[in-house]
PDB file of N, CA and C in Angstrom:
ATOM      1  N   MET A   1      -2.178 -45.028  26.179  1.00  0.00           N
ATOM      2  CA  MET A   1      -2.745 -44.842  24.849  1.00  0.00           C
ATOM      3  C   MET A   1      -2.734 -43.343  24.523  1.00  0.00           C
ATOM      4  N   PRO A   2      -2.179 -42.970  23.391  1.00  0.00           N
ATOM      5  CA  PRO A   2      -2.125 -41.557  23.016  1.00  0.00           C
ATOM      6  C   PRO A   2      -3.520 -40.976  22.768  1.00  0.00           C
ATOM      7  N   SER A   3      -3.640 -39.687  22.987  1.00  0.00           N
ATOM      8  CA  SER A   3      -4.893 -38.986  22.745  1.00  0.00           C
ATOM      9  C   SER A   3      -5.021 -38.666  21.252  1.00  0.00           C
ATOM     10  N   PRO A   4      -6.231 -38.317  20.794  1.00  0.00           N
ATOM     11  CA  PRO A   4      -6.369 -37.885  19.392  1.00  0.00           C
ATOM     12  C   PRO A   4      -5.481 -36.672  19.090  1.00  0.00           C
ATOM     13  N   LEU A   5      -5.351 -35.755  20.047  1.00  0.00           N
ATOM     14  CA  LEU A   5      -4.473 -34.599  19.862  1.00  0.00           C
ATOM     15  C   LEU A   5      -3.039 -35.056  19.644  1.00  0.00           C
ATOM     16  N   GLY A   6      -2.553 -35.944  20.487  1.00  0.00           N
ATOM     17  CA  GLY A   6      -1.197 -36.453  20.359  1.00  0.00           C
ATOM     18  C   GLY A   6      -0.976 -37.190  19.050  1.00  0.00           C
ATOM     19  N   ASP A   7      -1.962 -37.987  18.655  1.00  0.00           N
ATOM     20  CA  ASP A   7      -1.859 -38.712  17.380  1.00  0.00           C
ATOM     21  C   ASP A   7      -1.755 -37.751  16.199  1.00  0.00           C
ATOM     22  N   LYS A   8      -2.560 -36.684  16.221  1.00  0.00           N
ATOM     23  CA  LYS A   8      -2.533 -35.718  15.125  1.00  0.00           C
ATOM     24  C   LYS A   8      -1.198 -34.979  15.069  1.00  0.00           C
ATOM     25  N   ILE A   9      -0.717 -34.574  16.227  1.00  0.00           N
ATOM     26  CA  ILE A   9       0.560 -33.852  16.265  1.00  0.00           C
ATOM     27  C   ILE A   9       1.675 -34.736  15.726  1.00  0.00           C
ATOM     28  N   ARG A  10       1.740 -35.969  16.201  1.00  0.00           N
ATOM     29  CA  ARG A  10       2.791 -36.886  15.737  1.00  0.00           C
ATOM     30  C   ARG A  10       2.678 -37.151  14.247  1.00  0.00           C
ATOM     31  N   ALA A  11       1.464 -37.451  13.771  1.00  0.00           N
ATOM     32  CA  ALA A  11       1.268 -37.768  12.357  1.00  0.00           C
ATOM     33  C   ALA A  11       1.643 -36.586  11.469  1.00  0.00           C
ATOM     34  N   ARG A  12       1.234 -35.400  11.844  1.00  0.00           N
ATOM     35  CA  ARG A  12       1.534 -34.213  11.033  1.00  0.00           C
ATOM     36  C   ARG A  12       3.026 -33.901  11.078  1.00  0.00           C
ATOM     37  N   ARG A  13       3.616 -34.016  12.259  1.00  0.00           N
ATOM     38  CA  ARG A  13       5.057 -33.766  12.409  1.00  0.00           C
ATOM     39  C   ARG A  13       5.837 -34.715  11.515  1.00  0.00           C
ATOM     40  N   GLU A  14       5.481 -35.984  11.537  1.00  0.00           N
ATOM     41  CA  GLU A  14       6.175 -36.971  10.720  1.00  0.00           C
ATOM     42  C   GLU A  14       5.920 -36.743   9.233  1.00  0.00           C
ATOM     43  N   ALA A  15       4.701 -36.334   8.871  1.00  0.00           N
ATOM     44  CA  ALA A  15       4.388 -36.061   7.464  1.00  0.00           C
ATOM     45  C   ALA A  15       5.241 -34.910   6.927  1.00  0.00           C
ATOM     46  N   LEU A  16       5.588 -33.978   7.803  1.00  0.00           N
ATOM     47  CA  LEU A  16       6.433 -32.851   7.406  1.00  0.00           C
ATOM     48  C   LEU A  16       7.923 -33.176   7.519  1.00  0.00           C
ATOM     49  N   GLY A  17       8.237 -34.401   7.976  1.00  0.00           N
ATOM     50  CA  GLY A  17       9.636 -34.791   8.142  1.00  0.00           C
ATOM     51  C   GLY A  17      10.310 -34.055   9.288  1.00  0.00           C
ATOM     52  N   MET A  18       9.541 -33.713  10.292  1.00  0.00           N
ATOM     53  CA  MET A  18      10.024 -32.923  11.417  1.00  0.00           C
ATOM     54  C   MET A  18      10.272 -33.836  12.628  1.00  0.00           C
ATOM     55  N   SER A  19      11.392 -33.658  13.275  1.00  0.00           N
ATOM     56  CA  SER A  19      11.684 -34.420  14.490  1.00  0.00           C
ATOM     57  C   SER A  19      11.057 -33.720  15.692  1.00  0.00           C
ATOM     58  N   LEU A  20      11.026 -34.410  16.816  1.00  0.00           N
ATOM     59  CA  LEU A  20      10.568 -33.779  18.054  1.00  0.00           C
ATOM     60  C   LEU A  20      11.452 -32.587  18.403  1.00  0.00           C
ATOM     61  N   ASP A  21      12.757 -32.718  18.160  1.00  0.00           N
ATOM     62  CA  ASP A  21      13.675 -31.604  18.409  1.00  0.00           C
ATOM     63  C   ASP A  21      13.313 -30.395  17.548  1.00  0.00           C
ATOM     64  N   ASP A  22      13.008 -30.635  16.272  1.00  0.00           N
ATOM     65  CA  ASP A  22      12.625 -29.546  15.371  1.00  0.00           C
ATOM     66  C   ASP A  22      11.372 -28.831  15.881  1.00  0.00           C
ATOM     67  N   LEU A  23      10.374 -29.626  16.254  1.00  0.00           N
ATOM     68  CA  LEU A  23       9.123 -29.050  16.741  1.00  0.00           C
ATOM     69  C   LEU A  23       9.349 -28.302  18.052  1.00  0.00           C
ATOM     70  N   ALA A  24      10.190 -28.840  18.900  1.00  0.00           N
ATOM     71  CA  ALA A  24      10.494 -28.173  20.167  1.00  0.00           C
ATOM     72  C   ALA A  24      11.102 -26.796  19.920  1.00  0.00           C
ATOM     73  N   LEU A  25      12.023 -26.712  18.989  1.00  0.00           N
ATOM     74  CA  LEU A  25      12.651 -25.424  18.669  1.00  0.00           C
ATOM     75  C   LEU A  25      11.634 -24.426  18.126  1.00  0.00           C
ATOM     76  N   LYS A  26      10.738 -24.894  17.274  1.00  0.00           N
ATOM     77  CA  LYS A  26       9.767 -23.997  16.649  1.00  0.00           C
ATOM     78  C   LYS A  26       8.666 -23.553  17.600  1.00  0.00           C
ATOM     79  N   THR A  27       8.486 -24.262  18.705  1.00  0.00           N
ATOM     80  CA  THR A  27       7.380 -23.953  19.610  1.00  0.00           C
ATOM     81  C   THR A  27       7.838 -23.497  20.995  1.00  0.00           C
ATOM     82  N   ASP A  28       9.145 -23.296  21.154  1.00  0.00           N
ATOM     83  CA  ASP A  28       9.688 -22.908  22.464  1.00  0.00           C
ATOM     84  C   ASP A  28       9.267 -23.901  23.544  1.00  0.00           C
ATOM     85  N   SER A  29       9.399 -25.179  23.225  1.00  0.00           N
ATOM     86  CA  SER A  29       9.014 -26.260  24.135  1.00  0.00           C
ATOM     87  C   SER A  29      10.193 -27.197  24.317  1.00  0.00           C
ATOM     88  N   SER A  30      10.094 -28.045  25.303  1.00  0.00           N
ATOM     89  CA  SER A  30      11.111 -29.081  25.447  1.00  0.00           C
ATOM     90  C   SER A  30      10.659 -30.317  24.672  1.00  0.00           C
ATOM     91  N   LYS A  31      11.619 -31.105  24.280  1.00  0.00           N
ATOM     92  CA  LYS A  31      11.331 -32.348  23.561  1.00  0.00           C
ATOM     93  C   LYS A  31      10.479 -33.269  24.440  1.00  0.00           C
ATOM     94  N   SER A  32      10.799 -33.337  25.726  1.00  0.00           N
ATOM     95  CA  SER A  32      10.054 -34.227  26.624  1.00  0.00           C
ATOM     96  C   SER A  32       8.602 -33.761  26.794  1.00  0.00           C
ATOM     97  N   TYR A  33       8.377 -32.450  26.814  1.00  0.00           N
ATOM     98  CA  TYR A  33       7.010 -31.920  26.916  1.00  0.00           C
ATOM     99  C   TYR A  33       6.191 -32.351  25.700  1.00  0.00           C
ATOM    100  N   LEU A  34       6.773 -32.205  24.517  1.00  0.00           N
ATOM    101  CA  LEU A  34       6.066 -32.605  23.299  1.00  0.00           C
ATOM    102  C   LEU A  34       5.865 -34.110  23.241  1.00  0.00           C
ATOM    103  N   TRP A  35       6.848 -34.867  23.710  1.00  0.00           N
ATOM    104  CA  TRP A  35       6.706 -36.322  23.745  1.00  0.00           C
ATOM    105  C   TRP A  35       5.521 -36.683  24.628  1.00  0.00           C
ATOM    106  N   ASP A  36       5.404 -36.006  25.778  1.00  0.00           N
ATOM    107  CA  ASP A  36       4.270 -36.258  26.676  1.00  0.00           C
ATOM    108  C   ASP A  36       2.939 -35.976  25.975  1.00  0.00           C
ATOM    109  N   ILE A  37       2.876 -34.875  25.241  1.00  0.00           N
ATOM    110  CA  ILE A  37       1.633 -34.545  24.532  1.00  0.00           C
ATOM    111  C   ILE A  37       1.309 -35.622  23.503  1.00  0.00           C
ATOM    112  N   GLU A  38       2.326 -36.085  22.785  1.00  0.00           N
ATOM    113  CA  GLU A  38       2.107 -37.089  21.744  1.00  0.00           C
ATOM    114  C   GLU A  38       1.758 -38.464  22.312  1.00  0.00           C
ATOM    115  N   LYS A  39       2.321 -38.823  23.435  1.00  0.00           N
ATOM    116  CA  LYS A  39       2.216 -40.206  23.920  1.00  0.00           C
ATOM    117  C   LYS A  39       1.243 -40.438  25.072  1.00  0.00           C
ATOM    118  N   LYS A  40       0.959 -39.409  25.866  1.00  0.00           N
ATOM    119  CA  LYS A  40       0.119 -39.621  27.043  1.00  0.00           C
ATOM    120  C   LYS A  40      -1.358 -39.570  26.701  1.00  0.00           C
ATOM    121  N   ASP A  41      -2.145 -40.200  27.558  1.00  0.00           N
ATOM    122  CA  ASP A  41      -3.569 -40.382  27.341  1.00  0.00           C
ATOM    123  C   ASP A  41      -4.371 -39.084  27.397  1.00  0.00           C
ATOM    124  N   ASN A  42      -4.071 -38.195  28.312  1.00  0.00           N
ATOM    125  CA  ASN A  42      -4.901 -37.014  28.492  1.00  0.00           C
ATOM    126  C   ASN A  42      -4.042 -35.762  28.667  1.00  0.00           C
ATOM    127  N   PRO A  43      -3.324 -35.348  27.615  1.00  0.00           N
ATOM    128  CA  PRO A  43      -2.478 -34.161  27.760  1.00  0.00           C
ATOM    129  C   PRO A  43      -3.338 -32.906  27.907  1.00  0.00           C
ATOM    130  N   LYS A  44      -2.802 -31.921  28.586  1.00  0.00           N
ATOM    131  CA  LYS A  44      -3.535 -30.679  28.789  1.00  0.00           C
ATOM    132  C   LYS A  44      -2.642 -29.477  28.474  1.00  0.00           C
ATOM    133  N   PRO A  45      -2.223 -29.338  27.210  1.00  0.00           N
ATOM    134  CA  PRO A  45      -1.402 -28.180  26.858  1.00  0.00           C
ATOM    135  C   PRO A  45      -2.245 -26.908  26.905  1.00  0.00           C
ATOM    136  N   SER A  46      -1.588 -25.786  27.140  1.00  0.00           N
ATOM    137  CA  SER A  46      -2.290 -24.503  27.157  1.00  0.00           C
ATOM    138  C   SER A  46      -2.743 -24.148  25.743  1.00  0.00           C
ATOM    139  N   ALA A  47      -3.687 -23.226  25.663  1.00  0.00           N
ATOM    140  CA  ALA A  47      -4.160 -22.766  24.353  1.00  0.00           C
ATOM    141  C   ALA A  47      -3.022 -22.128  23.569  1.00  0.00           C
ATOM    142  N   ASP A  48      -2.165 -21.394  24.267  1.00  0.00           N
ATOM    143  CA  ASP A  48      -1.015 -20.766  23.610  1.00  0.00           C
ATOM    144  C   ASP A  48      -0.089 -21.821  23.016  1.00  0.00           C
ATOM    145  N   LYS A  49       0.150 -22.898  23.759  1.00  0.00           N
ATOM    146  CA  LYS A  49       1.042 -23.953  23.271  1.00  0.00           C
ATOM    147  C   LYS A  49       0.424 -24.666  22.073  1.00  0.00           C
ATOM    148  N   VAL A  50      -0.872 -24.934  22.114  1.00  0.00           N
ATOM    149  CA  VAL A  50      -1.539 -25.573  20.980  1.00  0.00           C
ATOM    150  C   VAL A  50      -1.449 -24.670  19.747  1.00  0.00           C
ATOM    151  N   ALA A  51      -1.600 -23.359  19.940  1.00  0.00           N
ATOM    152  CA  ALA A  51      -1.498 -22.417  18.822  1.00  0.00           C
ATOM    153  C   ALA A  51      -0.088 -22.435  18.229  1.00  0.00           C
ATOM    154  N   LYS A  52       0.936 -22.488  19.060  1.00  0.00           N
ATOM    155  CA  LYS A  52       2.315 -22.539  18.564  1.00  0.00           C
ATOM    156  C   LYS A  52       2.583 -23.843  17.817  1.00  0.00           C
ATOM    157  N   ILE A  53       2.068 -24.934  18.340  1.00  0.00           N
ATOM    158  CA  ILE A  53       2.247 -26.233  17.686  1.00  0.00           C
ATOM    159  C   ILE A  53       1.527 -26.235  16.335  1.00  0.00           C
ATOM    160  N   ALA A  54       0.301 -25.725  16.311  1.00  0.00           N
ATOM    161  CA  ALA A  54      -0.453 -25.670  15.058  1.00  0.00           C
ATOM    162  C   ALA A  54       0.278 -24.836  14.010  1.00  0.00           C
ATOM    163  N   ALA A  55       0.800 -23.697  14.418  1.00  0.00           N
ATOM    164  CA  ALA A  55       1.531 -22.839  13.471  1.00  0.00           C
ATOM    165  C   ALA A  55       2.767 -23.557  12.934  1.00  0.00           C
ATOM    166  N   ALA A  56       3.500 -24.224  13.805  1.00  0.00           N
ATOM    167  CA  ALA A  56       4.708 -24.936  13.381  1.00  0.00           C
ATOM    168  C   ALA A  56       4.377 -26.092  12.442  1.00  0.00           C
ATOM    169  N   LEU A  57       3.209 -26.706  12.638  1.00  0.00           N
ATOM    170  CA  LEU A  57       2.799 -27.843  11.815  1.00  0.00           C
ATOM    171  C   LEU A  57       1.959 -27.425  10.602  1.00  0.00           C
ATOM    172  N   GLU A  58       1.783 -26.109  10.450  1.00  0.00           N
ATOM    173  CA  GLU A  58       1.046 -25.554   9.309  1.00  0.00           C
ATOM    174  C   GLU A  58      -0.388 -26.063   9.223  1.00  0.00           C
ATOM    175  N   VAL A  59      -1.036 -26.094  10.383  1.00  0.00           N
ATOM    176  CA  VAL A  59      -2.451 -26.438  10.478  1.00  0.00           C
ATOM    177  C   VAL A  59      -3.104 -25.430  11.422  1.00  0.00           C
ATOM    178  N   THR A  60      -4.393 -25.570  11.638  1.00  0.00           N
ATOM    179  CA  THR A  60      -5.096 -24.687  12.562  1.00  0.00           C
ATOM    180  C   THR A  60      -5.255 -25.356  13.922  1.00  0.00           C
ATOM    181  N   THR A  61      -5.476 -24.538  14.932  1.00  0.00           N
ATOM    182  CA  THR A  61      -5.735 -25.098  16.264  1.00  0.00           C
ATOM    183  C   THR A  61      -7.039 -25.888  16.239  1.00  0.00           C
ATOM    184  N   GLU A  62      -7.998 -25.418  15.442  1.00  0.00           N
ATOM    185  CA  GLU A  62      -9.278 -26.118  15.350  1.00  0.00           C
ATOM    186  C   GLU A  62      -9.079 -27.539  14.830  1.00  0.00           C
ATOM    187  N   TYR A  63      -8.217 -27.684  13.838  1.00  0.00           N
ATOM    188  CA  TYR A  63      -7.942 -29.022  13.311  1.00  0.00           C
ATOM    189  C   TYR A  63      -7.346 -29.916  14.403  1.00  0.00           C
ATOM    190  N   LEU A  64      -6.375 -29.392  15.149  1.00  0.00           N
ATOM    191  CA  LEU A  64      -5.748 -30.214  16.185  1.00  0.00           C
ATOM    192  C   LEU A  64      -6.733 -30.622  17.271  1.00  0.00           C
ATOM    193  N   MET A  65      -7.657 -29.732  17.596  1.00  0.00           N
ATOM    194  CA  MET A  65      -8.594 -30.011  18.683  1.00  0.00           C
ATOM    195  C   MET A  65      -9.822 -30.802  18.231  1.00  0.00           C
ATOM    196  N   ASP A  66     -10.096 -30.830  16.933  1.00  0.00           N
ATOM    197  CA  ASP A  66     -11.249 -31.550  16.388  1.00  0.00           C
ATOM    198  C   ASP A  66     -10.947 -33.039  16.365  1.00  0.00           C
ATOM    199  N   GLN A  67     -11.707 -33.799  17.102  1.00  0.00           N
ATOM    200  CA  GLN A  67     -11.436 -35.232  17.195  1.00  0.00           C
ATOM    201  C   GLN A  67     -11.925 -36.009  15.983  1.00  0.00           C
ATOM    202  N   SER A  68     -12.721 -35.384  15.104  1.00  0.00           N
ATOM    203  CA  SER A  68     -13.257 -36.134  13.964  1.00  0.00           C
ATOM    204  C   SER A  68     -12.349 -36.069  12.730  1.00  0.00           C
ATOM    205  N   ALA A  69     -11.627 -34.985  12.544  1.00  0.00           N
ATOM    206  CA  ALA A  69     -10.775 -34.849  11.360  1.00  0.00           C
ATOM    207  C   ALA A  69      -9.474 -35.616  11.560  1.00  0.00           C
ATOM    208  N   LEU A  70      -9.206 -36.563  10.672  1.00  0.00           N
ATOM    209  CA  LEU A  70      -8.013 -37.386  10.825  1.00  0.00           C
ATOM    210  C   LEU A  70      -6.792 -36.809  10.120  1.00  0.00           C
ATOM    211  N   THR A  71      -7.006 -36.132   8.997  1.00  0.00           N
ATOM    212  CA  THR A  71      -5.908 -35.489   8.281  1.00  0.00           C
ATOM    213  C   THR A  71      -6.345 -34.084   7.902  1.00  0.00           C
ATOM    214  N   PRO A  72      -5.404 -33.153   7.802  1.00  0.00           N
ATOM    215  CA  PRO A  72      -5.790 -31.784   7.451  1.00  0.00           C
ATOM    216  C   PRO A  72      -6.245 -31.698   5.997  1.00  0.00           C
ATOM    217  N   ASP A  73      -7.413 -31.091   5.792  1.00  0.00           N
ATOM    218  CA  ASP A  73      -7.888 -30.921   4.417  1.00  0.00           C
ATOM    219  C   ASP A  73      -7.344 -29.613   3.848  1.00  0.00           C
ATOM    220  N   GLU A  74      -7.696 -29.307   2.615  1.00  0.00           N
ATOM    221  CA  GLU A  74      -7.183 -28.108   1.952  1.00  0.00           C
ATOM    222  C   GLU A  74      -7.594 -26.836   2.686  1.00  0.00           C
ATOM    223  N   ASP A  75      -8.786 -26.811   3.244  1.00  0.00           N
ATOM    224  CA  ASP A  75      -9.245 -25.634   3.973  1.00  0.00           C
ATOM    225  C   ASP A  75      -8.357 -25.363   5.186  1.00  0.00           C
ATOM    226  N   VAL A  76      -7.996 -26.400   5.899  1.00  0.00           N
ATOM    227  CA  VAL A  76      -7.106 -26.265   7.057  1.00  0.00           C
ATOM    228  C   VAL A  76      -5.743 -25.745   6.614  1.00  0.00           C
ATOM    229  N   LYS A  77      -5.213 -26.305   5.542  1.00  0.00           N
ATOM    230  CA  LYS A  77      -3.912 -25.868   5.041  1.00  0.00           C
ATOM    231  C   LYS A  77      -3.964 -24.421   4.557  1.00  0.00           C
ATOM    232  N   ASP A  78      -5.066 -24.039   3.897  1.00  0.00           N
ATOM    233  CA  ASP A  78      -5.217 -22.657   3.432  1.00  0.00           C
ATOM    234  C   ASP A  78      -5.268 -21.683   4.604  1.00  0.00           C
ATOM    235  N   LYS A  79      -6.041 -22.016   5.631  1.00  0.00           N
ATOM    236  CA  LYS A  79      -6.132 -21.140   6.798  1.00  0.00           C
ATOM    237  C   LYS A  79      -4.770 -20.982   7.472  1.00  0.00           C
ATOM    238  N   ALA A  80      -4.031 -22.060   7.560  1.00  0.00           N
ATOM    239  CA  ALA A  80      -2.692 -21.999   8.161  1.00  0.00           C
ATOM    240  C   ALA A  80      -1.760 -21.144   7.304  1.00  0.00           C
ATOM    241  N   PHE A  81      -1.861 -21.269   5.985  1.00  0.00           N
ATOM    242  CA  PHE A  81      -1.045 -20.459   5.081  1.00  0.00           C
ATOM    243  C   PHE A  81      -1.374 -18.978   5.250  1.00  0.00           C
ATOM    244  N   PHE A  82      -2.663 -18.637   5.286  1.00  0.00           N
ATOM    245  CA  PHE A  82      -3.052 -17.234   5.410  1.00  0.00           C
ATOM    246  C   PHE A  82      -2.646 -16.665   6.762  1.00  0.00           C
ATOM    247  N   ARG A  83      -2.699 -17.485   7.800  1.00  0.00           N
ATOM    248  CA  ARG A  83      -2.234 -17.025   9.115  1.00  0.00           C
ATOM    249  C   ARG A  83      -0.746 -16.701   9.046  1.00  0.00           C
ATOM    250  N   LYS A  84       0.007 -17.545   8.371  1.00  0.00           N
ATOM    251  CA  LYS A  84       1.445 -17.316   8.206  1.00  0.00           C
ATOM    252  C   LYS A  84       1.686 -16.062   7.367  1.00  0.00           C
ATOM    253  N   TYR A  85       0.911 -15.899   6.311  1.00  0.00           N
ATOM    254  CA  TYR A  85       1.027 -14.728   5.438  1.00  0.00           C
ATOM    255  C   TYR A  85       0.763 -13.439   6.221  1.00  0.00           C
ATOM    256  N   GLN A  86      -0.249 -13.449   7.057  1.00  0.00           N
ATOM    257  CA  GLN A  86      -0.605 -12.252   7.822  1.00  0.00           C
ATOM    258  C   GLN A  86       0.513 -11.811   8.763  1.00  0.00           C
ATOM    259  N   GLN A  87       1.362 -12.705   9.167  1.00  0.00           N
ATOM    260  CA  GLN A  87       2.449 -12.381  10.085  1.00  0.00           C
ATOM    261  C   GLN A  87       3.715 -11.927   9.358  1.00  0.00           C
ATOM    262  N   MET A  88       3.706 -11.986   8.028  1.00  0.00           N
ATOM    263  CA  MET A  88       4.885 -11.577   7.259  1.00  0.00           C
ATOM    264  C   MET A  88       5.002 -10.060   7.227  1.00  0.00           C
ATOM    265  N   ASP A  89       6.236  -9.598   7.033  1.00  0.00           N
ATOM    266  CA  ASP A  89       6.428  -8.155   6.884  1.00  0.00           C
ATOM    267  C   ASP A  89       5.987  -7.712   5.489  1.00  0.00           C
ATOM    268  N   ALA A  90       5.785  -6.405   5.313  1.00  0.00           N
ATOM    269  CA  ALA A  90       5.263  -5.855   4.058  1.00  0.00           C
ATOM    270  C   ALA A  90       6.121  -6.197   2.836  1.00  0.00           C
ATOM    271  N   PRO A  91       7.457  -6.114   2.910  1.00  0.00           N
ATOM    272  CA  PRO A  91       8.248  -6.468   1.723  1.00  0.00           C
ATOM    273  C   PRO A  91       8.082  -7.925   1.286  1.00  0.00           C
ATOM    274  N   THR A  92       7.976  -8.818   2.232  1.00  0.00           N
ATOM    275  CA  THR A  92       7.794 -10.230   1.898  1.00  0.00           C
ATOM    276  C   THR A  92       6.423 -10.457   1.262  1.00  0.00           C
ATOM    277  N   LYS A  93       5.396  -9.818   1.826  1.00  0.00           N
ATOM    278  CA  LYS A  93       4.060  -9.922   1.229  1.00  0.00           C
ATOM    279  C   LYS A  93       4.070  -9.403  -0.205  1.00  0.00           C
ATOM    280  N   ASN A  94       4.758  -8.290  -0.419  1.00  0.00           N
ATOM    281  CA  ASN A  94       4.830  -7.703  -1.759  1.00  0.00           C
ATOM    282  C   ASN A  94       5.508  -8.661  -2.735  1.00  0.00           C
ATOM    283  N   LYS A  95       6.576  -9.322  -2.314  1.00  0.00           N
ATOM    284  CA  LYS A  95       7.253 -10.300  -3.175  1.00  0.00           C
ATOM    285  C   LYS A  95       6.310 -11.445  -3.549  1.00  0.00           C
ATOM    286  N   LEU A  96       5.573 -11.943  -2.582  1.00  0.00           N
ATOM    287  CA  LEU A  96       4.631 -13.034  -2.860  1.00  0.00           C
ATOM    288  C   LEU A  96       3.546 -12.591  -3.831  1.00  0.00           C
ATOM    289  N   ARG A  97       3.048 -11.373  -3.664  1.00  0.00           N
ATOM    290  CA  ARG A  97       2.036 -10.866  -4.595  1.00  0.00           C
ATOM    291  C   ARG A  97       2.596 -10.799  -6.015  1.00  0.00           C
ATOM    292  N   LYS A  98       3.842 -10.332  -6.150  1.00  0.00           N
ATOM    293  CA  LYS A  98       4.468 -10.250  -7.478  1.00  0.00           C
ATOM    294  C   LYS A  98       4.632 -11.638  -8.094  1.00  0.00           C
ATOM    295  N   ILE A  99       5.013 -12.604  -7.279  1.00  0.00           N
ATOM    296  CA  ILE A  99       5.149 -13.983  -7.772  1.00  0.00           C
ATOM    297  C   ILE A  99       3.802 -14.493  -8.280  1.00  0.00           C
ATOM    298  N   LEU A 100       2.742 -14.265  -7.503  1.00  0.00           N
ATOM    299  CA  LEU A 100       1.414 -14.721  -7.913  1.00  0.00           C
ATOM    300  C   LEU A 100       0.952 -14.009  -9.174  1.00  0.00           C
ATOM    301  N   ASP A 101       1.220 -12.712  -9.250  1.00  0.00           N
ATOM    302  CA  ASP A 101       0.847 -11.964 -10.466  1.00  0.00           C
ATOM    303  C   ASP A 101       1.582 -12.516 -11.684  1.00  0.00           C
ATOM    304  N   ALA A 102       2.880 -12.769 -11.540  1.00  0.00           N
ATOM    305  CA  ALA A 102       3.672 -13.314 -12.653  1.00  0.00           C
ATOM    306  C   ALA A 102       3.139 -14.689 -13.049  1.00  0.00           C
ATOM    307  N   TRP A 103       2.780 -15.481 -12.082  1.00  0.00           N
ATOM    308  CA  TRP A 103       2.270 -16.821 -12.340  1.00  0.00           C
ATOM    309  C   TRP A 103       0.952 -16.740 -13.125  1.00  0.00           C
ATOM    310  N   GLU A 104       0.069 -15.820 -12.714  1.00  0.00           N
ATOM    311  CA  GLU A 104      -1.204 -15.653 -13.414  1.00  0.00           C
ATOM    312  C   GLU A 104      -0.996 -15.195 -14.848  1.00  0.00           C
ATOM    313  N   ASN A 105      -0.003 -14.337 -15.059  1.00  0.00           N
ATOM    314  CA  ASN A 105       0.240 -13.775 -16.384  1.00  0.00           C
ATOM    315  C   ASN A 105       0.898 -14.768 -17.330  1.00  0.00           C
ATOM    316  N   GLU A 106       1.416 -15.871 -16.836  1.00  0.00           N
ATOM    317  CA  GLU A 106       2.019 -16.896 -17.690  1.00  0.00           C
ATOM    318  C   GLU A 106       0.988 -17.585 -18.559  1.00  0.00           C
ATOM    319  N   GLU A 107      -0.193 -17.698 -18.062  1.00  0.00           N
ATOM    320  CA  GLU A 107      -1.244 -18.443 -18.775  1.00  0.00           C
ATOM    321  C   GLU A 107      -1.747 -17.657 -19.876  1.00  0.00           C
TER     322      GLU A 107
END
């Protein structure tokens, strides 16, 4: 029986249209390792691996580890977006700011 962690990873991966191979590439993992996490009863991935999986799935590690949340809410998605934004280089951040400014000025 899969664990809640495995169920969340699989459900989110599938919701994003991502294969196990895709997730493996994004997390520097093997497909079989991720399959084990998704399918086995008591997986024990490292904190670093959970963080990489969360980033690839655009959620937070807290969401993946929280057994009560079944789907990521807007707060989880926002936190994942901001984490991704913080890792961007300065020119990319500047482009996004300009896009948001232009969008605000349309109204």
